[in-house]
Amino acid sequence: MSEAWPVYKGTSFNLWEPDTGIYYDSADAESMIAHLHEKRLSQRRTHSSAFAQQDQSVTDDPATLPCRHPRIALRNVTNPTNTRTLLAALVPGDRVIVHHAPYLLRTAGSAADEAFVLGVLCSMPCDWQARRTVELNLTFEQLNLLSIPDPGRGHPVRDRVAEIAALLAAQDDRFSGWAAEVGVPVGTVDAGGGAWLLAELDACVAYLYGLDEDDITVVYDTFGRPGQWDERRDAVLSCFRRIGDSWT
C-alpha cells in the first residue's frame, strides 16, 4: 500500500503557517496521482483551463502534478470582520486540497516570481484592498480584481518582497527544492525576526503600490478596531522610510 497524503481544507493552513495539522481527511497517494494525472490530461484539452497553458511535456509527466510540489493556496471561506481577510500560504507538496482551498497554478515564471506573488497576497496593503469587496467567500473573480504591483524582475524592492516571502514560507525541508530555486535557505526565520520581516514586507509592498506615509496610516488605522494595528503601522512606517532613503 502506498503512503497516505493529508487532504487539506481551509483551516489546514494560515498566513505563514503551511500546516496547522488540521486536515479534512487522508488519501492514498498512488490513487490520487493516477486520478489527478488523468484529470489534468482531460482538462488540458479545454481552452479555458489553466492546464491548457502548459507544455504537453509537462502535462504528460505525473511528476509535475501540482500536488507533488509546493504551491500557493488560499482560503475560500472568509469574512471582512476577521483579523485578516485574504489568507494565503505556500503549502507543501505531496498533499491534495479540497475546493474550499483553491490554489494558484504556476504556468510560467520562476519560484522567485511565485514568492513575489505570495508576498503581495500575504501583505496587509493587499489585504486592505481585498476587504473592500470580500464578504463571505474569496472567489477567483474577486481575486482577479486585486491589483498586483509588479515593476518587473530586477527591481530591488520587488526582489526583496520575493526574498522575504521565501524566507517566511520555506520553514522546513519540505520546501528545500523550492527555496533553492528562489535562492534562500530553509528554516532560518525565528519568531522575533519574523515580526520585523512582516513589517518590512508590508513596507515594500506599500512602496510598490505607490503609497505614501499618509496612505499607509489609513490602511492600518482603518483595517480593524481602533488601535489594533498601531504597533504594526509604526514598524511598517519605519521600514518604509528606510526604503525611501535607500531606493529613491
C-alpha atoms as a PDB file:
ATOM      1  CA  MET A   1       0.000   0.000   0.000  1.00  0.00           C
ATOM      2  CA  SER A   2       1.306   3.479  -0.849  1.00  0.00           C
ATOM      3  CA  GLU A   3       1.647   6.276   1.656  1.00  0.00           C
ATOM      4  CA  ALA A   4      -1.307   8.365   2.795  1.00  0.00           C
ATOM      5  CA  TRP A   5      -1.338  12.041   1.925  1.00  0.00           C
ATOM      6  CA  PRO A   6      -3.105  14.689   4.034  1.00  0.00           C
ATOM      7  CA  VAL A   7      -6.199  16.192   2.427  1.00  0.00           C
ATOM      8  CA  TYR A   8      -6.143  19.925   3.101  1.00  0.00           C
ATOM      9  CA  LYS A   9      -9.094  22.148   3.810  1.00  0.00           C
ATOM     10  CA  GLY A  10      -9.084  25.883   4.531  1.00  0.00           C
ATOM     11  CA  THR A  11      -8.085  25.546   8.176  1.00  0.00           C
ATOM     12  CA  SER A  12      -5.157  23.285   7.274  1.00  0.00           C
ATOM     13  CA  PHE A  13      -3.038  26.406   6.731  1.00  0.00           C
ATOM     14  CA  ASN A  14      -2.846  30.020   7.804  1.00  0.00           C
ATOM     15  CA  LEU A  15      -0.740  33.062   6.993  1.00  0.00           C
ATOM     16  CA  TRP A  16       2.890  31.908   7.063  1.00  0.00           C
ATOM     17  CA  GLU A  17       1.728  28.629   8.604  1.00  0.00           C
ATOM     18  CA  PRO A  18       1.830  25.923   5.902  1.00  0.00           C
ATOM     19  CA  ASP A  19       0.485  23.088   8.034  1.00  0.00           C
ATOM     20  CA  THR A  20      -1.768  23.512  11.072  1.00  0.00           C
ATOM     21  CA  GLY A  21      -2.212  19.761  11.475  1.00  0.00           C
ATOM     22  CA  ILE A  22      -5.966  20.090  10.879  1.00  0.00           C
ATOM     23  CA  TYR A  23      -6.985  18.009   7.860  1.00  0.00           C
ATOM     24  CA  TYR A  24     -10.172  17.149   6.012  1.00  0.00           C
ATOM     25  CA  ASP A  25      -9.086  13.532   5.589  1.00  0.00           C
ATOM     26  CA  SER A  26      -6.243  11.452   4.161  1.00  0.00           C
ATOM     27  CA  ALA A  27      -5.941   9.842   0.725  1.00  0.00           C
ATOM     28  CA  ASP A  28      -3.902   7.091  -0.893  1.00  0.00           C
ATOM     29  CA  ALA A  29      -1.036   8.760  -2.748  1.00  0.00           C
ATOM     30  CA  GLU A  30      -0.913   6.386  -5.724  1.00  0.00           C
ATOM     31  CA  SER A  31      -4.660   6.676  -6.276  1.00  0.00           C
ATOM     32  CA  MET A  32      -4.514  10.472  -6.086  1.00  0.00           C
ATOM     33  CA  ILE A  33      -1.612  10.695  -8.535  1.00  0.00           C
ATOM     34  CA  ALA A  34      -3.393   8.460 -11.040  1.00  0.00           C
ATOM     35  CA  HIS A  35      -6.700  10.322 -10.683  1.00  0.00           C
ATOM     36  CA  LEU A  36      -5.221  13.811 -10.889  1.00  0.00           C
ATOM     37  CA  HIS A  37      -2.970  12.877 -13.800  1.00  0.00           C
ATOM     38  CA  GLU A  38      -5.948  11.665 -15.839  1.00  0.00           C
ATOM     39  CA  LYS A  39      -7.939  14.734 -14.827  1.00  0.00           C
ATOM     40  CA  ARG A  40      -5.155  17.064 -15.963  1.00  0.00           C
ATOM     41  CA  LEU A  41      -4.809  15.257 -19.298  1.00  0.00           C
ATOM     42  CA  SER A  42      -8.529  15.771 -19.819  1.00  0.00           C
ATOM     43  CA  GLN A  43      -8.548  19.409 -18.734  1.00  0.00           C
ATOM     44  CA  ARG A  44      -5.655  20.448 -20.955  1.00  0.00           C
ATOM     45  CA  ARG A  45      -7.983  19.941 -23.933  1.00  0.00           C
ATOM     46  CA  THR A  46     -10.258  22.667 -22.567  1.00  0.00           C
ATOM     47  CA  HIS A  47      -9.122  26.069 -23.770  1.00  0.00           C
ATOM     48  CA  SER A  48     -10.298  27.849 -20.603  1.00  0.00           C
ATOM     49  CA  SER A  49      -8.334  25.511 -18.327  1.00  0.00           C
ATOM     50  CA  ALA A  50      -5.056  26.756 -16.876  1.00  0.00           C
ATOM     51  CA  PHE A  51      -3.572  23.369 -17.749  1.00  0.00           C
ATOM     52  CA  ALA A  52      -4.045  24.222 -21.428  1.00  0.00           C
ATOM     53  CA  GLN A  53      -1.297  26.828 -20.971  1.00  0.00           C
ATOM     54  CA  GLN A  54       1.277  24.201 -20.010  1.00  0.00           C
ATOM     55  CA  ASP A  55       3.527  22.387 -22.456  1.00  0.00           C
ATOM     56  CA  GLN A  56       2.467  18.856 -23.280  1.00  0.00           C
ATOM     57  CA  SER A  57       5.780  17.589 -21.933  1.00  0.00           C
ATOM     58  CA  VAL A  58       4.709  18.943 -18.548  1.00  0.00           C
ATOM     59  CA  THR A  59       1.164  17.613 -18.508  1.00  0.00           C
ATOM     60  CA  ASP A  60       2.313  14.200 -19.760  1.00  0.00           C
ATOM     61  CA  ASP A  61       4.560  13.740 -16.721  1.00  0.00           C
ATOM     62  CA  PRO A  62       2.794  12.785 -13.449  1.00  0.00           C
ATOM     63  CA  ALA A  63       5.850  14.010 -11.511  1.00  0.00           C
ATOM     64  CA  THR A  64       4.922  17.594 -12.455  1.00  0.00           C
ATOM     65  CA  LEU A  65       1.431  17.441 -10.934  1.00  0.00           C
ATOM     66  CA  PRO A  66       0.790  20.460  -8.690  1.00  0.00           C
ATOM     67  CA  CYS A  67       0.048  18.164  -5.741  1.00  0.00           C
ATOM     68  CA  ARG A  68       3.684  16.969  -5.837  1.00  0.00           C
ATOM     69  CA  HIS A  69       5.173  20.424  -5.288  1.00  0.00           C
ATOM     70  CA  PRO A  70       4.774  23.490  -3.040  1.00  0.00           C
ATOM     71  CA  ARG A  71       2.036  25.832  -4.275  1.00  0.00           C
ATOM     72  CA  ILE A  72       0.111  28.877  -3.112  1.00  0.00           C
ATOM     73  CA  ALA A  73      -3.269  28.013  -1.588  1.00  0.00           C
ATOM     74  CA  LEU A  74      -5.954  30.420  -0.420  1.00  0.00           C
ATOM     75  CA  ARG A  75      -8.855  30.062   1.952  1.00  0.00           C
ATOM     76  CA  ASN A  76     -12.128  30.368   0.098  1.00  0.00           C
ATOM     77  CA  VAL A  77     -14.266  30.978   3.199  1.00  0.00           C
ATOM     78  CA  THR A  78     -13.519  34.279   4.894  1.00  0.00           C
ATOM     79  CA  ASN A  79     -15.131  37.341   6.423  1.00  0.00           C
ATOM     80  CA  PRO A  80     -14.269  41.059   6.268  1.00  0.00           C
ATOM     81  CA  THR A  81     -14.604  41.302  10.060  1.00  0.00           C
ATOM     82  CA  ASN A  82     -11.953  38.627  10.692  1.00  0.00           C
ATOM     83  CA  THR A  83      -8.489  39.684  11.794  1.00  0.00           C
ATOM     84  CA  ARG A  84      -7.372  39.082   8.212  1.00  0.00           C
ATOM     85  CA  THR A  85      -9.493  38.502   5.109  1.00  0.00           C
ATOM     86  CA  LEU A  86      -7.079  37.210   2.477  1.00  0.00           C
ATOM     87  CA  LEU A  87      -5.428  34.089   3.901  1.00  0.00           C
ATOM     88  CA  ALA A  88      -2.799  32.550   1.649  1.00  0.00           C
ATOM     89  CA  ALA A  89       0.123  30.222   2.270  1.00  0.00           C
ATOM     90  CA  LEU A  90       2.726  28.199   0.438  1.00  0.00           C
ATOM     91  CA  VAL A  91       1.652  24.650   1.249  1.00  0.00           C
ATOM     92  CA  PRO A  92       3.993  21.650   0.961  1.00  0.00           C
ATOM     93  CA  GLY A  93       3.895  19.099  -1.815  1.00  0.00           C
ATOM     94  CA  ASP A  94       2.536  15.568  -1.543  1.00  0.00           C
ATOM     95  CA  ARG A  95      -0.910  16.543  -0.363  1.00  0.00           C
ATOM     96  CA  VAL A  96      -4.243  17.286  -2.002  1.00  0.00           C
ATOM     97  CA  ILE A  97      -6.616  20.166  -1.382  1.00  0.00           C
ATOM     98  CA  VAL A  98     -10.408  20.353  -1.370  1.00  0.00           C
ATOM     99  CA  HIS A  99     -12.209  23.001  -3.426  1.00  0.00           C
ATOM    100  CA  HIS A 100     -12.670  25.319  -0.423  1.00  0.00           C
ATOM    101  CA  ALA A 101      -8.937  25.973  -0.572  1.00  0.00           C
ATOM    102  CA  PRO A 102      -8.197  26.843  -4.220  1.00  0.00           C
ATOM    103  CA  TYR A 103      -4.578  27.102  -5.332  1.00  0.00           C
ATOM    104  CA  LEU A 104      -2.632  29.135  -7.864  1.00  0.00           C
ATOM    105  CA  LEU A 105      -1.091  27.197 -10.743  1.00  0.00           C
ATOM    106  CA  ARG A 106       2.276  28.484 -11.929  1.00  0.00           C
ATOM    107  CA  THR A 107       2.182  28.118 -15.713  1.00  0.00           C
ATOM    108  CA  ALA A 108       5.155  30.414 -16.364  1.00  0.00           C
ATOM    109  CA  GLY A 109       7.862  32.228 -14.484  1.00  0.00           C
ATOM    110  CA  SER A 110      10.060  31.016 -11.655  1.00  0.00           C
ATOM    111  CA  ALA A 111       9.775  30.165  -7.983  1.00  0.00           C
ATOM    112  CA  ALA A 112      11.012  33.697  -7.276  1.00  0.00           C
ATOM    113  CA  ASP A 113       8.024  35.088  -9.198  1.00  0.00           C
ATOM    114  CA  GLU A 114       5.777  32.799  -7.178  1.00  0.00           C
ATOM    115  CA  ALA A 115       7.390  34.051  -3.959  1.00  0.00           C
ATOM    116  CA  PHE A 116       6.739  37.641  -5.043  1.00  0.00           C
ATOM    117  CA  VAL A 117       3.047  36.940  -5.640  1.00  0.00           C
ATOM    118  CA  LEU A 118       2.841  35.171  -2.264  1.00  0.00           C
ATOM    119  CA  GLY A 119       4.449  38.136  -0.538  1.00  0.00           C
ATOM    120  CA  VAL A 120       1.989  40.603  -2.047  1.00  0.00           C
ATOM    121  CA  LEU A 121      -1.046  38.421  -1.281  1.00  0.00           C
ATOM    122  CA  CYS A 122       0.034  37.989   2.351  1.00  0.00           C
ATOM    123  CA  SER A 123       0.718  41.688   2.896  1.00  0.00           C
ATOM    124  CA  MET A 124      -1.693  43.938   4.730  1.00  0.00           C
ATOM    125  CA  PRO A 125      -1.830  46.575   1.949  1.00  0.00           C
ATOM    126  CA  CYS A 126      -3.139  43.900  -0.435  1.00  0.00           C
ATOM    127  CA  ASP A 127      -5.470  42.519   2.213  1.00  0.00           C
ATOM    128  CA  TRP A 128      -6.868  46.010   2.827  1.00  0.00           C
ATOM    129  CA  GLN A 129      -7.758  46.089  -0.848  1.00  0.00           C
ATOM    130  CA  ALA A 130      -9.486  42.696  -0.599  1.00  0.00           C
ATOM    131  CA  ARG A 131     -11.518  43.818   2.408  1.00  0.00           C
ATOM    132  CA  ARG A 132     -13.244  46.461   0.275  1.00  0.00           C
ATOM    133  CA  THR A 133     -15.227  43.793  -1.635  1.00  0.00           C
ATOM    134  CA  VAL A 134     -14.903  40.359   0.004  1.00  0.00           C
ATOM    135  CA  GLU A 135     -17.811  39.297   2.198  1.00  0.00           C
ATOM    136  CA  LEU A 136     -18.064  35.576   2.949  1.00  0.00           C
ATOM    137  CA  ASN A 137     -16.115  33.946   0.106  1.00  0.00           C
ATOM    138  CA  LEU A 138     -12.949  34.811  -1.761  1.00  0.00           C
ATOM    139  CA  THR A 139     -13.797  33.793  -5.305  1.00  0.00           C
ATOM    140  CA  PHE A 140     -11.438  33.733  -8.277  1.00  0.00           C
ATOM    141  CA  GLU A 141     -13.484  36.592  -9.747  1.00  0.00           C
ATOM    142  CA  GLN A 142     -12.697  38.721  -6.693  1.00  0.00           C
ATOM    143  CA  LEU A 143      -9.091  37.578  -6.673  1.00  0.00           C
ATOM    144  CA  ASN A 144      -8.734  38.663 -10.295  1.00  0.00           C
ATOM    145  CA  LEU A 145      -9.920  42.144  -9.319  1.00  0.00           C
ATOM    146  CA  LEU A 146      -6.958  42.636  -6.995  1.00  0.00           C
ATOM    147  CA  SER A 147      -4.077  44.644  -8.397  1.00  0.00           C
ATOM    148  CA  ILE A 148      -0.575  43.213  -8.024  1.00  0.00           C
ATOM    149  CA  PRO A 149       2.055  45.958  -8.403  1.00  0.00           C
ATOM    150  CA  ASP A 150       4.832  44.411 -10.445  1.00  0.00           C
ATOM    151  CA  PRO A 151       7.701  46.594 -11.679  1.00  0.00           C
ATOM    152  CA  GLY A 152       9.414  43.552 -13.223  1.00  0.00           C
ATOM    153  CA  ARG A 153      12.295  41.294 -12.316  1.00  0.00           C
ATOM    154  CA  GLY A 154      15.445  43.016 -11.190  1.00  0.00           C
ATOM    155  CA  HIS A 155      13.672  45.814  -9.323  1.00  0.00           C
ATOM    156  CA  PRO A 156      15.310  45.888  -5.864  1.00  0.00           C
ATOM    157  CA  VAL A 157      12.068  46.253  -3.887  1.00  0.00           C
ATOM    158  CA  ARG A 158      10.327  43.530  -5.886  1.00  0.00           C
ATOM    159  CA  ASP A 159      13.288  41.235  -5.349  1.00  0.00           C
ATOM    160  CA  ARG A 160      13.212  41.962  -1.629  1.00  0.00           C
ATOM    161  CA  VAL A 161       9.494  41.077  -1.454  1.00  0.00           C
ATOM    162  CA  ALA A 162      10.266  37.731  -3.083  1.00  0.00           C
ATOM    163  CA  GLU A 163      13.195  37.119  -0.733  1.00  0.00           C
ATOM    164  CA  ILE A 164      11.223  37.946   2.422  1.00  0.00           C
ATOM    165  CA  ALA A 165       8.257  35.838   1.341  1.00  0.00           C
ATOM    166  CA  ALA A 166      10.528  32.895   0.548  1.00  0.00           C
ATOM    167  CA  LEU A 167      12.297  33.157   3.911  1.00  0.00           C
ATOM    168  CA  LEU A 168       8.955  33.237   5.747  1.00  0.00           C
ATOM    169  CA  ALA A 169       7.419  30.440   3.676  1.00  0.00           C
ATOM    170  CA  ALA A 170      10.310  27.952   3.480  1.00  0.00           C
ATOM    171  CA  GLN A 171      10.063  26.783   7.063  1.00  0.00           C
ATOM    172  CA  ASP A 172      11.494  23.265   6.760  1.00  0.00           C
ATOM    173  CA  ASP A 173      12.950  20.697   4.375  1.00  0.00           C
ATOM    174  CA  ARG A 174       9.592  20.133   2.673  1.00  0.00           C
ATOM    175  CA  PHE A 175      10.338  23.405   0.842  1.00  0.00           C
ATOM    176  CA  SER A 176      14.049  22.828   0.202  1.00  0.00           C
ATOM    177  CA  GLY A 177      13.785  22.458  -3.576  1.00  0.00           C
ATOM    178  CA  TRP A 178      11.517  25.487  -3.930  1.00  0.00           C
ATOM    179  CA  ALA A 179      13.722  27.567  -1.619  1.00  0.00           C
ATOM    180  CA  ALA A 180      16.854  26.595  -3.537  1.00  0.00           C
ATOM    181  CA  GLU A 181      15.220  27.784  -6.761  1.00  0.00           C
ATOM    182  CA  VAL A 182      14.454  31.149  -5.130  1.00  0.00           C
ATOM    183  CA  GLY A 183      17.925  31.275  -3.568  1.00  0.00           C
ATOM    184  CA  VAL A 184      17.132  31.291   0.161  1.00  0.00           C
ATOM    185  CA  PRO A 185      17.861  28.828   2.985  1.00  0.00           C
ATOM    186  CA  VAL A 186      15.099  26.986   4.821  1.00  0.00           C
ATOM    187  CA  GLY A 187      14.126  27.249   8.465  1.00  0.00           C
ATOM    188  CA  THR A 188      16.081  30.405   9.253  1.00  0.00           C
ATOM    189  CA  VAL A 189      13.327  32.744  10.495  1.00  0.00           C
ATOM    190  CA  ASP A 190      12.551  32.742  14.222  1.00  0.00           C
ATOM    191  CA  ALA A 191       9.560  34.439  15.843  1.00  0.00           C
ATOM    192  CA  GLY A 192      11.376  37.698  16.598  1.00  0.00           C
ATOM    193  CA  GLY A 193      12.936  38.041  13.169  1.00  0.00           C
ATOM    194  CA  GLY A 194       9.659  37.132  11.542  1.00  0.00           C
ATOM    195  CA  ALA A 195       7.850  40.097  13.084  1.00  0.00           C
ATOM    196  CA  TRP A 196      10.348  42.546  11.609  1.00  0.00           C
ATOM    197  CA  LEU A 197      10.280  40.806   8.251  1.00  0.00           C
ATOM    198  CA  LEU A 198       6.483  41.095   8.161  1.00  0.00           C
ATOM    199  CA  ALA A 199       6.760  44.842   8.719  1.00  0.00           C
ATOM    200  CA  GLU A 200       9.407  45.142   6.023  1.00  0.00           C
ATOM    201  CA  LEU A 201       7.289  43.070   3.645  1.00  0.00           C
ATOM    202  CA  ASP A 202       4.295  45.375   4.138  1.00  0.00           C
ATOM    203  CA  ALA A 203       6.506  48.425   3.641  1.00  0.00           C
ATOM    204  CA  CYS A 204       7.961  47.053   0.410  1.00  0.00           C
ATOM    205  CA  VAL A 205       4.520  46.178  -0.968  1.00  0.00           C
ATOM    206  CA  ALA A 206       3.187  49.617   0.021  1.00  0.00           C
ATOM    207  CA  TYR A 207       6.141  51.182  -1.821  1.00  0.00           C
ATOM    208  CA  LEU A 208       5.345  49.159  -4.945  1.00  0.00           C
ATOM    209  CA  TYR A 209       1.691  50.213  -4.752  1.00  0.00           C
ATOM    210  CA  GLY A 210       2.882  53.830  -4.775  1.00  0.00           C
ATOM    211  CA  LEU A 211       1.531  54.609  -1.308  1.00  0.00           C
ATOM    212  CA  ASP A 212       2.892  57.410   0.853  1.00  0.00           C
ATOM    213  CA  GLU A 213       3.080  57.620   4.646  1.00  0.00           C
ATOM    214  CA  ASP A 214      -0.425  59.083   4.928  1.00  0.00           C
ATOM    215  CA  ASP A 215      -1.819  56.248   2.814  1.00  0.00           C
ATOM    216  CA  ILE A 216      -0.070  53.656   4.960  1.00  0.00           C
ATOM    217  CA  THR A 217      -1.509  55.217   8.092  1.00  0.00           C
ATOM    218  CA  VAL A 218      -5.007  54.982   6.615  1.00  0.00           C
ATOM    219  CA  VAL A 219      -4.512  51.297   5.768  1.00  0.00           C
ATOM    220  CA  TYR A 220      -3.648  50.317   9.341  1.00  0.00           C
ATOM    221  CA  ASP A 221      -5.964  52.779  11.108  1.00  0.00           C
ATOM    222  CA  THR A 222      -8.983  51.524   9.123  1.00  0.00           C
ATOM    223  CA  PHE A 223      -8.107  47.829   8.955  1.00  0.00           C
ATOM    224  CA  GLY A 224      -9.794  46.726  12.178  1.00  0.00           C
ATOM    225  CA  ARG A 225     -10.566  48.046  15.630  1.00  0.00           C
ATOM    226  CA  PRO A 226      -9.126  51.457  16.611  1.00  0.00           C
ATOM    227  CA  GLY A 227      -5.578  50.958  17.798  1.00  0.00           C
ATOM    228  CA  GLN A 228      -5.468  47.268  16.802  1.00  0.00           C
ATOM    229  CA  TRP A 229      -2.641  47.676  14.318  1.00  0.00           C
ATOM    230  CA  ASP A 230      -0.801  50.704  15.772  1.00  0.00           C
ATOM    231  CA  GLU A 231       2.384  48.775  16.562  1.00  0.00           C
ATOM    232  CA  ARG A 232       2.470  47.149  13.128  1.00  0.00           C
ATOM    233  CA  ARG A 233       1.749  50.509  11.464  1.00  0.00           C
ATOM    234  CA  ASP A 234       4.651  52.197  13.252  1.00  0.00           C
ATOM    235  CA  ALA A 235       7.029  49.366  12.344  1.00  0.00           C
ATOM    236  CA  VAL A 236       5.920  49.490   8.708  1.00  0.00           C
ATOM    237  CA  LEU A 237       6.391  53.256   8.559  1.00  0.00           C
ATOM    238  CA  SER A 238       9.891  52.881   9.981  1.00  0.00           C
ATOM    239  CA  CYS A 239      10.750  50.318   7.294  1.00  0.00           C
ATOM    240  CA  PHE A 240       9.091  52.440   4.621  1.00  0.00           C
ATOM    241  CA  ARG A 241      11.318  55.394   5.467  1.00  0.00           C
ATOM    242  CA  ARG A 242      14.406  53.194   5.162  1.00  0.00           C
ATOM    243  CA  ILE A 243      13.226  52.034   1.740  1.00  0.00           C
ATOM    244  CA  GLY A 244      12.769  55.624   0.647  1.00  0.00           C
ATOM    245  CA  ASP A 245      16.263  56.506   1.825  1.00  0.00           C
ATOM    246  CA  SER A 246      17.818  53.517   0.069  1.00  0.00           C
ATOM    247  CA  TRP A 247      15.990  53.347  -3.269  1.00  0.00           C
ATOM    248  CA  THR A 248      14.719  56.793  -4.134  1.00  0.00           C
END
